[in-house]
PDB file of N, CA and C in Angstrom:
ATOM      1  N   MET A   1     -68.885  58.441 -14.502  1.00  0.00           N
ATOM      2  CA  MET A   1     -67.767  57.576 -14.171  1.00  0.00           C
ATOM      3  C   MET A   1     -66.981  58.167 -13.005  1.00  0.00           C
ATOM      4  N   PHE A   2     -66.535  57.276 -12.162  1.00  0.00           N
ATOM      5  CA  PHE A   2     -65.674  57.672 -11.057  1.00  0.00           C
ATOM      6  C   PHE A   2     -64.216  57.569 -11.478  1.00  0.00           C
ATOM      7  N   THR A   3     -63.404  58.457 -10.955  1.00  0.00           N
ATOM      8  CA  THR A   3     -61.974  58.342 -11.191  1.00  0.00           C
ATOM      9  C   THR A   3     -61.425  57.268 -10.246  1.00  0.00           C
ATOM     10  N   LYS A   4     -60.227  56.836 -10.507  1.00  0.00           N
ATOM     11  CA  LYS A   4     -59.586  55.813  -9.669  1.00  0.00           C
ATOM     12  C   LYS A   4     -59.466  56.297  -8.225  1.00  0.00           C
ATOM     13  N   GLU A   5     -59.112  57.570  -8.048  1.00  0.00           N
ATOM     14  CA  GLU A   5     -58.984  58.144  -6.701  1.00  0.00           C
ATOM     15  C   GLU A   5     -60.330  58.177  -5.981  1.00  0.00           C
ATOM     16  N   GLN A   6     -61.396  58.568  -6.692  1.00  0.00           N
ATOM     17  CA  GLN A   6     -62.724  58.611  -6.091  1.00  0.00           C
ATOM     18  C   GLN A   6     -63.182  57.212  -5.701  1.00  0.00           C
ATOM     19  N   THR A   7     -62.888  56.243  -6.537  1.00  0.00           N
ATOM     20  CA  THR A   7     -63.276  54.862  -6.253  1.00  0.00           C
ATOM     21  C   THR A   7     -62.548  54.366  -5.004  1.00  0.00           C
ATOM     22  N   LYS A   8     -61.276  54.672  -4.885  1.00  0.00           N
ATOM     23  CA  LYS A   8     -60.497  54.259  -3.717  1.00  0.00           C
ATOM     24  C   LYS A   8     -61.046  54.919  -2.455  1.00  0.00           C
ATOM     25  N   GLU A   9     -61.338  56.212  -2.509  1.00  0.00           N
ATOM     26  CA  GLU A   9     -61.899  56.921  -1.354  1.00  0.00           C
ATOM     27  C   GLU A   9     -63.223  56.310  -0.942  1.00  0.00           C
ATOM     28  N   LEU A  10     -64.073  56.016  -1.920  1.00  0.00           N
ATOM     29  CA  LEU A  10     -65.384  55.431  -1.645  1.00  0.00           C
ATOM     30  C   LEU A  10     -65.233  54.039  -1.033  1.00  0.00           C
ATOM     31  N   SER A  11     -64.329  53.224  -1.569  1.00  0.00           N
ATOM     32  CA  SER A  11     -64.144  51.881  -1.024  1.00  0.00           C
ATOM     33  C   SER A  11     -63.585  51.946   0.390  1.00  0.00           C
ATOM     34  N   ASN A  12     -62.698  52.888   0.675  1.00  0.00           N
ATOM     35  CA  ASN A  12     -62.170  53.053   2.036  1.00  0.00           C
ATOM     36  C   ASN A  12     -63.276  53.458   3.012  1.00  0.00           C
ATOM     37  N   LEU A  13     -64.146  54.361   2.590  1.00  0.00           N
ATOM     38  CA  LEU A  13     -65.258  54.789   3.420  1.00  0.00           C
ATOM     39  C   LEU A  13     -66.211  53.615   3.716  1.00  0.00           C
ATOM     40  N   ILE A  14     -66.522  52.842   2.681  1.00  0.00           N
ATOM     41  CA  ILE A  14     -67.404  51.691   2.858  1.00  0.00           C
ATOM     42  C   ILE A  14     -66.764  50.682   3.797  1.00  0.00           C
ATOM     43  N   PHE A  15     -65.476  50.425   3.628  1.00  0.00           N
ATOM     44  CA  PHE A  15     -64.758  49.494   4.483  1.00  0.00           C
ATOM     45  C   PHE A  15     -64.783  49.929   5.936  1.00  0.00           C
ATOM     46  N   GLU A  16     -64.495  51.201   6.194  1.00  0.00           N
ATOM     47  CA  GLU A  16     -64.505  51.716   7.566  1.00  0.00           C
ATOM     48  C   GLU A  16     -65.876  51.591   8.211  1.00  0.00           C
ATOM     49  N   GLN A  17     -66.934  51.879   7.453  1.00  0.00           N
ATOM     50  CA  GLN A  17     -68.290  51.779   7.971  1.00  0.00           C
ATOM     51  C   GLN A  17     -68.685  50.329   8.215  1.00  0.00           C
ATOM     52  N   LEU A  18     -68.226  49.439   7.362  1.00  0.00           N
ATOM     53  CA  LEU A  18     -68.513  48.014   7.544  1.00  0.00           C
ATOM     54  C   LEU A  18     -67.848  47.496   8.811  1.00  0.00           C
ATOM     55  N   ILE A  19     -66.603  47.849   9.023  1.00  0.00           N
ATOM     56  CA  ILE A  19     -65.885  47.445  10.243  1.00  0.00           C
ATOM     57  C   ILE A  19     -66.608  47.992  11.481  1.00  0.00           C
ATOM     58  N   ARG A  20     -67.015  49.257  11.439  1.00  0.00           N
ATOM     59  CA  ARG A  20     -67.726  49.851  12.564  1.00  0.00           C
ATOM     60  C   ARG A  20     -69.044  49.128  12.838  1.00  0.00           C
ATOM     61  N   ALA A  21     -69.764  48.767  11.786  1.00  0.00           N
ATOM     62  CA  ALA A  21     -71.036  48.048  11.946  1.00  0.00           C
ATOM     63  C   ALA A  21     -70.810  46.658  12.545  1.00  0.00           C
ATOM     64  N   ILE A  22     -69.767  45.980  12.092  1.00  0.00           N
ATOM     65  CA  ILE A  22     -69.461  44.648  12.638  1.00  0.00           C
ATOM     66  C   ILE A  22     -69.056  44.759  14.100  1.00  0.00           C
ATOM     67  N   ASP A  23     -68.224  45.735  14.436  1.00  0.00           N
ATOM     68  CA  ASP A  23     -67.836  45.949  15.834  1.00  0.00           C
ATOM     69  C   ASP A  23     -69.068  46.233  16.705  1.00  0.00           C
ATOM     70  N   ASN A  24     -69.972  47.069  16.216  1.00  0.00           N
ATOM     71  CA  ASN A  24     -71.190  47.369  16.970  1.00  0.00           C
ATOM     72  C   ASN A  24     -72.022  46.113  17.189  1.00  0.00           C
ATOM     73  N   TYR A  25     -72.160  45.308  16.144  1.00  0.00           N
ATOM     74  CA  TYR A  25     -72.938  44.066  16.262  1.00  0.00           C
ATOM     75  C   TYR A  25     -72.301  43.124  17.283  1.00  0.00           C
ATOM     76  N   ILE A  26     -70.988  42.951  17.187  1.00  0.00           N
ATOM     77  CA  ILE A  26     -70.301  42.063  18.136  1.00  0.00           C
ATOM     78  C   ILE A  26     -70.493  42.561  19.560  1.00  0.00           C
ATOM     79  N   CYS A  27     -70.363  43.860  19.763  1.00  0.00           N
ATOM     80  CA  CYS A  27     -70.518  44.417  21.122  1.00  0.00           C
ATOM     81  C   CYS A  27     -71.943  44.338  21.633  1.00  0.00           C
ATOM     82  N   LEU A  28     -72.902  44.238  20.735  1.00  0.00           N
ATOM     83  CA  LEU A  28     -74.297  44.045  21.159  1.00  0.00           C
ATOM     84  C   LEU A  28     -74.579  42.603  21.537  1.00  0.00           C
ATOM     85  N   THR A  29     -73.850  41.658  20.926  1.00  0.00           N
ATOM     86  CA  THR A  29     -74.160  40.249  21.138  1.00  0.00           C
ATOM     87  C   THR A  29     -73.197  39.546  22.083  1.00  0.00           C
ATOM     88  N   GLU A  30     -72.088  40.170  22.412  1.00  0.00           N
ATOM     89  CA  GLU A  30     -71.091  39.582  23.305  1.00  0.00           C
ATOM     90  C   GLU A  30     -71.047  40.356  24.615  1.00  0.00           C
ATOM     91  N   GLN A  31     -70.457  39.736  25.608  1.00  0.00           N
ATOM     92  CA  GLN A  31     -70.239  40.435  26.890  1.00  0.00           C
ATOM     93  C   GLN A  31     -69.184  41.498  26.674  1.00  0.00           C
ATOM     94  N   THR A  32     -69.408  42.681  27.231  1.00  0.00           N
ATOM     95  CA  THR A  32     -68.458  43.781  27.067  1.00  0.00           C
ATOM     96  C   THR A  32     -67.987  44.318  28.413  1.00  0.00           C
ATOM     97  N   ILE A  33     -66.847  44.988  28.354  1.00  0.00           N
ATOM     98  CA  ILE A  33     -66.323  45.681  29.529  1.00  0.00           C
ATOM     99  C   ILE A  33     -65.931  47.087  29.096  1.00  0.00           C
ATOM    100  N   ASP A  34     -65.906  48.008  30.041  1.00  0.00           N
ATOM    101  CA  ASP A  34     -65.565  49.386  29.689  1.00  0.00           C
ATOM    102  C   ASP A  34     -64.042  49.562  29.616  1.00  0.00           C
ATOM    103  N   VAL A  35     -63.621  50.736  29.216  1.00  0.00           N
ATOM    104  CA  VAL A  35     -62.197  51.025  29.007  1.00  0.00           C
ATOM    105  C   VAL A  35     -61.387  50.835  30.289  1.00  0.00           C
ATOM    106  N   ASN A  36     -61.927  51.284  31.426  1.00  0.00           N
ATOM    107  CA  ASN A  36     -61.198  51.156  32.689  1.00  0.00           C
ATOM    108  C   ASN A  36     -60.979  49.698  33.063  1.00  0.00           C
ATOM    109  N   GLU A  37     -62.004  48.878  32.887  1.00  0.00           N
ATOM    110  CA  GLU A  37     -61.883  47.451  33.186  1.00  0.00           C
ATOM    111  C   GLU A  37     -60.904  46.787  32.209  1.00  0.00           C
ATOM    112  N   ALA A  38     -60.983  47.157  30.942  1.00  0.00           N
ATOM    113  CA  ALA A  38     -60.064  46.610  29.934  1.00  0.00           C
ATOM    114  C   ALA A  38     -58.632  46.988  30.243  1.00  0.00           C
ATOM    115  N   SER A  39     -58.419  48.204  30.740  1.00  0.00           N
ATOM    116  CA  SER A  39     -57.051  48.618  31.074  1.00  0.00           C
ATOM    117  C   SER A  39     -56.484  47.765  32.211  1.00  0.00           C
ATOM    118  N   LYS A  40     -57.328  47.392  33.153  1.00  0.00           N
ATOM    119  CA  LYS A  40     -56.880  46.516  34.249  1.00  0.00           C
ATOM    120  C   LYS A  40     -56.542  45.123  33.720  1.00  0.00           C
ATOM    121  N   VAL A  41     -57.392  44.603  32.853  1.00  0.00           N
ATOM    122  CA  VAL A  41     -57.186  43.263  32.297  1.00  0.00           C
ATOM    123  C   VAL A  41     -55.916  43.218  31.455  1.00  0.00           C
ATOM    124  N   LEU A  42     -55.695  44.261  30.663  1.00  0.00           N
ATOM    125  CA  LEU A  42     -54.535  44.308  29.783  1.00  0.00           C
ATOM    126  C   LEU A  42     -53.262  44.793  30.467  1.00  0.00           C
ATOM    127  N   GLY A  43     -53.431  45.428  31.641  1.00  0.00           N
ATOM    128  CA  GLY A  43     -52.278  45.940  32.370  1.00  0.00           C
ATOM    129  C   GLY A  43     -51.692  47.190  31.730  1.00  0.00           C
ATOM    130  N   ILE A  44     -52.543  48.007  31.129  1.00  0.00           N
ATOM    131  CA  ILE A  44     -52.103  49.253  30.509  1.00  0.00           C
ATOM    132  C   ILE A  44     -53.021  50.389  30.933  1.00  0.00           C
ATOM    133  N   LYS A  45     -52.631  51.613  30.627  1.00  0.00           N
ATOM    134  CA  LYS A  45     -53.428  52.774  31.002  1.00  0.00           C
ATOM    135  C   LYS A  45     -54.682  52.880  30.131  1.00  0.00           C
ATOM    136  N   PRO A  46     -55.766  53.478  30.663  1.00  0.00           N
ATOM    137  CA  PRO A  46     -56.978  53.669  29.876  1.00  0.00           C
ATOM    138  C   PRO A  46     -56.727  54.419  28.565  1.00  0.00           C
ATOM    139  N   ASP A  47     -55.817  55.402  28.585  1.00  0.00           N
ATOM    140  CA  ASP A  47     -55.491  56.132  27.355  1.00  0.00           C
ATOM    141  C   ASP A  47     -54.928  55.199  26.282  1.00  0.00           C
ATOM    142  N   SER A  48     -54.154  54.217  26.716  1.00  0.00           N
ATOM    143  CA  SER A  48     -53.580  53.254  25.783  1.00  0.00           C
ATOM    144  C   SER A  48     -54.663  52.352  25.188  1.00  0.00           C
ATOM    145  N   VAL A  49     -55.671  52.034  25.987  1.00  0.00           N
ATOM    146  CA  VAL A  49     -56.798  51.241  25.490  1.00  0.00           C
ATOM    147  C   VAL A  49     -57.543  52.043  24.420  1.00  0.00           C
ATOM    148  N   LEU A  50     -57.762  53.320  24.679  1.00  0.00           N
ATOM    149  CA  LEU A  50     -58.433  54.170  23.700  1.00  0.00           C
ATOM    150  C   LEU A  50     -57.635  54.266  22.396  1.00  0.00           C
ATOM    151  N   LYS A  51     -56.322  54.342  22.498  1.00  0.00           N
ATOM    152  CA  LYS A  51     -55.476  54.357  21.294  1.00  0.00           C
ATOM    153  C   LYS A  51     -55.625  53.055  20.516  1.00  0.00           C
ATOM    154  N   MET A  52     -55.689  51.935  21.240  1.00  0.00           N
ATOM    155  CA  MET A  52     -55.860  50.631  20.580  1.00  0.00           C
ATOM    156  C   MET A  52     -57.190  50.567  19.846  1.00  0.00           C
ATOM    157  N   ILE A  53     -58.245  51.144  20.466  1.00  0.00           N
ATOM    158  CA  ILE A  53     -59.548  51.188  19.817  1.00  0.00           C
ATOM    159  C   ILE A  53     -59.472  51.993  18.538  1.00  0.00           C
ATOM    160  N   LYS A  54     -58.877  53.173  18.621  1.00  0.00           N
ATOM    161  CA  LYS A  54     -58.784  54.053  17.440  1.00  0.00           C
ATOM    162  C   LYS A  54     -57.946  53.448  16.326  1.00  0.00           C
ATOM    163  N   ARG A  55     -56.987  52.607  16.679  1.00  0.00           N
ATOM    164  CA  ARG A  55     -56.136  51.951  15.679  1.00  0.00           C
ATOM    165  C   ARG A  55     -56.768  50.657  15.147  1.00  0.00           C
ATOM    166  N   GLY A  56     -57.942  50.304  15.704  1.00  0.00           N
ATOM    167  CA  GLY A  56     -58.626  49.098  15.251  1.00  0.00           C
ATOM    168  C   GLY A  56     -58.060  47.813  15.819  1.00  0.00           C
ATOM    169  N   LYS A  57     -57.350  47.904  16.930  1.00  0.00           N
ATOM    170  CA  LYS A  57     -56.748  46.716  17.548  1.00  0.00           C
ATOM    171  C   LYS A  57     -57.705  46.000  18.495  1.00  0.00           C
ATOM    172  N   LEU A  58     -58.764  46.683  18.890  1.00  0.00           N
ATOM    173  CA  LEU A  58     -59.767  46.099  19.771  1.00  0.00           C
ATOM    174  C   LEU A  58     -61.150  46.230  19.141  1.00  0.00           C
ATOM    175  N   ILE A  59     -61.976  45.232  19.363  1.00  0.00           N
ATOM    176  CA  ILE A  59     -63.354  45.305  18.911  1.00  0.00           C
ATOM    177  C   ILE A  59     -64.123  46.068  19.981  1.00  0.00           C
ATOM    178  N   ALA A  60     -64.611  47.243  19.604  1.00  0.00           N
ATOM    179  CA  ALA A  60     -65.262  48.124  20.581  1.00  0.00           C
ATOM    180  C   ALA A  60     -66.385  48.915  19.907  1.00  0.00           C
ATOM    181  N   ALA A  61     -67.292  49.370  20.750  1.00  0.00           N
ATOM    182  CA  ALA A  61     -68.388  50.214  20.276  1.00  0.00           C
ATOM    183  C   ALA A  61     -68.650  51.284  21.331  1.00  0.00           C
ATOM    184  N   LYS A  62     -69.026  52.445  20.855  1.00  0.00           N
ATOM    185  CA  LYS A  62     -69.324  53.545  21.766  1.00  0.00           C
ATOM    186  C   LYS A  62     -70.819  53.550  22.051  1.00  0.00           C
ATOM    187  N   LYS A  63     -71.151  53.503  23.346  1.00  0.00           N
ATOM    188  CA  LYS A  63     -72.538  53.577  23.797  1.00  0.00           C
ATOM    189  C   LYS A  63     -72.629  54.766  24.718  1.00  0.00           C
ATOM    190  N   GLY A  64     -73.344  55.776  24.285  1.00  0.00           N
ATOM    191  CA  GLY A  64     -73.379  57.021  25.055  1.00  0.00           C
ATOM    192  C   GLY A  64     -72.025  57.679  24.959  1.00  0.00           C
ATOM    193  N   LYS A  65     -71.437  57.979  26.101  1.00  0.00           N
ATOM    194  CA  LYS A  65     -70.117  58.615  26.116  1.00  0.00           C
ATOM    195  C   LYS A  65     -68.981  57.622  26.391  1.00  0.00           C
ATOM    196  N   LYS A  66     -69.321  56.357  26.606  1.00  0.00           N
ATOM    197  CA  LYS A  66     -68.315  55.368  26.976  1.00  0.00           C
ATOM    198  C   LYS A  66     -68.064  54.371  25.857  1.00  0.00           C
ATOM    199  N   TRP A  67     -66.815  53.926  25.776  1.00  0.00           N
ATOM    200  CA  TRP A  67     -66.443  52.845  24.871  1.00  0.00           C
ATOM    201  C   TRP A  67     -66.567  51.525  25.611  1.00  0.00           C
ATOM    202  N   TRP A  68     -67.089  50.515  24.927  1.00  0.00           N
ATOM    203  CA  TRP A  68     -67.245  49.174  25.473  1.00  0.00           C
ATOM    204  C   TRP A  68     -66.499  48.219  24.562  1.00  0.00           C
ATOM    205  N   ILE A  69     -65.749  47.316  25.166  1.00  0.00           N
ATOM    206  CA  ILE A  69     -64.904  46.398  24.424  1.00  0.00           C
ATOM    207  C   ILE A  69     -65.409  44.980  24.611  1.00  0.00           C
ATOM    208  N   ALA A  70     -65.404  44.205  23.525  1.00  0.00           N
ATOM    209  CA  ALA A  70     -65.834  42.806  23.597  1.00  0.00           C
ATOM    210  C   ALA A  70     -64.824  42.018  24.429  1.00  0.00           C
ATOM    211  N   LYS A  71     -65.272  41.512  25.560  1.00  0.00           N
ATOM    212  CA  LYS A  71     -64.409  40.845  26.523  1.00  0.00           C
ATOM    213  C   LYS A  71     -63.738  39.602  25.934  1.00  0.00           C
ATOM    214  N   LYS A  72     -64.473  38.846  25.160  1.00  0.00           N
ATOM    215  CA  LYS A  72     -63.972  37.616  24.564  1.00  0.00           C
ATOM    216  C   LYS A  72     -62.721  37.871  23.725  1.00  0.00           C
ATOM    217  N   TYR A  73     -62.694  38.984  23.019  1.00  0.00           N
ATOM    218  CA  TYR A  73     -61.579  39.263  22.127  1.00  0.00           C
ATOM    219  C   TYR A  73     -60.375  39.863  22.865  1.00  0.00           C
ATOM    220  N   ILE A  74     -60.610  40.404  24.036  1.00  0.00           N
ATOM    221  CA  ILE A  74     -59.482  40.844  24.863  1.00  0.00           C
ATOM    222  C   ILE A  74     -58.718  39.608  25.320  1.00  0.00           C
ATOM    223  N   LYS A  75     -59.442  38.568  25.690  1.00  0.00           N
ATOM    224  CA  LYS A  75     -58.787  37.331  26.108  1.00  0.00           C
ATOM    225  C   LYS A  75     -57.957  36.753  24.959  1.00  0.00           C
ATOM    226  N   LEU A  76     -58.472  36.818  23.735  1.00  0.00           N
ATOM    227  CA  LEU A  76     -57.714  36.346  22.581  1.00  0.00           C
ATOM    228  C   LEU A  76     -56.466  37.191  22.369  1.00  0.00           C
ATOM    229  N   LEU A  77     -56.592  38.485  22.538  1.00  0.00           N
ATOM    230  CA  LEU A  77     -55.453  39.404  22.393  1.00  0.00           C
ATOM    231  C   LEU A  77     -54.370  39.064  23.411  1.00  0.00           C
ATOM    232  N   ILE A  78     -54.773  38.840  24.637  1.00  0.00           N
ATOM    233  CA  ILE A  78     -53.819  38.498  25.693  1.00  0.00           C
ATOM    234  C   ILE A  78     -53.105  37.193  25.363  1.00  0.00           C
ATOM    235  N   SER A  79     -53.857  36.175  24.965  1.00  0.00           N
ATOM    236  CA  SER A  79     -53.249  34.880  24.667  1.00  0.00           C
ATOM    237  C   SER A  79     -52.316  34.986  23.468  1.00  0.00           C
ATOM    238  N   LYS A  80     -52.612  35.838  22.524  1.00  0.00           N
ATOM    239  CA  LYS A  80     -51.764  36.020  21.360  1.00  0.00           C
ATOM    240  C   LYS A  80     -50.397  36.586  21.745  1.00  0.00           C
ATOM    241  N   TYR A  81     -50.392  37.557  22.655  1.00  0.00           N
ATOM    242  CA  TYR A  81     -49.132  38.182  23.046  1.00  0.00           C
ATOM    243  C   TYR A  81     -48.356  37.381  24.103  1.00  0.00           C
ATOM    244  N   LYS A  82     -49.041  36.489  24.814  1.00  0.00           N
ATOM    245  CA  LYS A  82     -48.357  35.661  25.812  1.00  0.00           C
ATOM    246  C   LYS A  82     -47.765  34.404  25.182  1.00  0.00           C
ATOM    247  N   ALA A  83     -48.242  34.072  23.979  1.00  0.00           N
ATOM    248  CA  ALA A  83     -47.783  32.842  23.307  1.00  0.00           C
ATOM    249  C   ALA A  83     -46.379  33.016  22.739  1.00  0.00           C
TER     250      ALA A  83
END
């Protein structure tokens, strides 16, 4: 039997891995842009884009040493904040 704490830790781990897998799938099937291009589109510094990725605010996947962001969802993010 798992304790309540162990169950919560396991469910959090599964959730994080599921989100990562979905982000990877989306980035494989959608047009992507790199962090530098996303920073220009969003009007923020590349470091801020990386923080948004780490906080789960952008759909992104790491390919090699670079992060790639789903372009379609950046447009949605922009429209959300301009509305």
